[in-house]
Protein backbone atom coordinates (compact mmCIF):
# COMPACT_ATOMS: atom_id res chain seq x y z
CA MET A 1 -149.53 40.80 -31.26
CA PRO A 2 -151.44 42.63 -34.03
CA VAL A 3 -150.64 41.78 -37.63
CA THR A 4 -149.60 44.77 -39.74
CA ASN A 5 -148.56 43.09 -42.98
CA MET A 6 -150.76 40.31 -44.36
CA ALA A 7 -148.06 39.25 -46.85
CA HIS A 8 -145.93 37.71 -44.08
CA ILE A 9 -148.67 35.58 -42.50
CA HIS A 10 -148.72 31.84 -43.21
CA LYS A 11 -151.64 30.92 -45.47
CA PRO A 12 -152.47 27.20 -45.25
CA PHE A 13 -154.64 27.30 -48.39
CA LYS A 14 -151.71 28.43 -50.61
CA ARG A 15 -149.07 26.11 -52.01
CA PRO A 16 -145.82 26.08 -50.00
CA GLY A 17 -143.70 27.85 -52.65
CA TRP A 18 -146.15 30.73 -53.19
CA HIS A 19 -144.99 34.25 -52.40
CA ALA A 20 -146.98 37.43 -52.69
CA SER A 21 -145.96 39.58 -55.63
CA LYS A 22 -144.12 42.80 -54.98
CA LYS A 23 -146.46 45.73 -54.62
CA THR A 24 -145.93 48.60 -57.03
CA LYS A 25 -146.27 52.24 -56.11
CA ASN A 26 -148.31 54.71 -58.08
CA LEU A 27 -146.88 58.03 -59.26
CA LYS A 28 -148.37 59.99 -56.37
CA GLN A 29 -146.63 57.74 -53.83
CA ILE A 30 -143.30 58.03 -55.67
CA ILE A 31 -143.48 61.82 -55.81
CA THR A 32 -144.43 62.05 -52.13
CA ALA A 33 -141.48 59.82 -51.22
CA GLU A 34 -139.14 61.96 -53.32
CA LYS A 35 -140.29 65.14 -51.61
CA ALA A 36 -139.73 63.58 -48.17
CA LYS A 37 -136.04 62.80 -48.84
CA GLU A 38 -133.13 65.19 -49.01
CA TRP A 39 -131.72 64.97 -52.52
CA LYS A 40 -128.57 66.42 -54.03
CA THR A 41 -129.28 68.96 -56.74
CA SER A 42 -127.58 66.74 -59.33
CA THR A 43 -129.78 63.70 -58.56
CA PRO A 44 -132.48 63.13 -61.22
CA THR A 45 -136.04 63.00 -59.89
CA TYR A 46 -139.48 63.21 -61.46
CA TRP A 47 -139.44 66.94 -60.79
CA ASN A 48 -136.16 67.92 -62.39
CA ILE A 49 -135.76 65.62 -65.39
CA GLU A 50 -136.20 67.26 -68.75
CA ALA A 51 -137.68 65.25 -71.59
CA LEU A 52 -137.27 66.05 -75.23
CA PRO A 53 -140.28 67.60 -76.94
CA SER A 54 -142.70 65.14 -78.45
CA MET A 55 -142.18 64.29 -82.12
CA THR A 56 -145.89 63.69 -82.70
CA PRO A 57 -147.84 66.67 -84.01
CA GLN A 58 -149.91 68.57 -81.49
CA LYS A 59 -153.62 67.79 -81.62
CA LYS A 60 -155.90 70.59 -82.75
CA TYR A 61 -159.35 70.97 -81.24
CA CYS A 62 -162.47 72.68 -82.51
CA ASP A 63 -162.86 76.19 -81.09
CA ILE A 64 -166.63 75.78 -80.80
CA THR A 65 -167.26 72.18 -79.70
CA GLY A 66 -163.92 71.04 -78.25
CA LEU A 67 -163.87 67.96 -80.48
CA GLU A 68 -160.83 67.14 -82.60
CA ALA A 69 -160.65 69.68 -85.43
CA ARG A 70 -160.12 68.39 -88.94
CA TYR A 71 -160.50 71.73 -90.70
CA THR A 72 -159.50 75.39 -90.37
CA ASP A 73 -161.51 78.30 -91.76
CA PRO A 74 -159.08 80.28 -93.98
CA LYS A 75 -160.85 83.61 -93.38
CA THR A 76 -161.18 83.56 -89.60
CA ARG A 77 -158.55 80.93 -88.71
CA LEU A 78 -161.07 79.20 -86.43
CA ARG A 79 -160.74 75.45 -86.22
CA TYR A 80 -163.90 73.42 -86.70
CA HIS A 81 -164.98 69.80 -86.50
CA SER A 82 -167.77 69.44 -89.07
CA THR A 83 -169.86 71.27 -91.65
CA GLU A 84 -172.53 72.11 -89.06
CA VAL A 85 -169.95 73.97 -87.01
CA TYR A 86 -168.65 75.71 -90.15
CA GLN A 87 -172.15 77.03 -90.90
CA LEU A 88 -172.20 78.47 -87.37
CA ILE A 89 -168.74 80.04 -87.81
CA LYS A 90 -169.70 81.72 -91.09
CA ASN A 91 -172.54 83.59 -89.39
CA GLN A 92 -170.50 84.82 -86.39
CA PRO A 93 -169.63 88.53 -86.15
CA ILE A 94 -165.94 89.45 -86.08
CA GLY A 95 -166.03 90.32 -82.37
CA VAL A 96 -167.18 86.82 -81.44
CA VAL A 97 -164.53 85.28 -83.69
CA GLN A 98 -161.88 87.42 -81.96
CA GLN A 99 -163.06 86.15 -78.58
CA TYR A 100 -162.78 82.52 -79.72
CA LEU A 101 -159.29 83.16 -81.08
CA GLY A 102 -158.36 84.91 -77.84
CA LEU A 103 -159.33 81.83 -75.84
CA ARG A 104 -156.55 79.85 -77.50
CA ASN A 105 -154.14 82.82 -77.59
CA ALA A 106 -154.31 83.12 -81.37
CA ALA A 107 -156.00 86.52 -81.58
CA VAL A 108 -155.22 88.39 -84.79
CA VAL A 109 -156.74 91.48 -86.35
CA LEU A 110 -159.22 90.37 -89.00
CA LYS A 111 -160.08 92.57 -91.97
């Protein structure tokens, strides 16, 4: 008879009271199992629970490099990481600045 579960086989090299620990499932397995079952609409699952918004401030990233932005240019509203990036931002034409702002859905008309 083929063995399908190694946890139930006697292991002579283990102490007699030893039991295999319970296997945990990863999130992908849990979600797949949830989708396979028929759930009532009132039953909470990973798909229908609503969490409160996070209380931590949202991280801001540099529009040029993608690194964490510490500064914001007051004229163009572009976020930048360091002085080297700021020097690059200062020399950009308004059209390029508008494109960067459009990428993060913050496009405004600059004067």
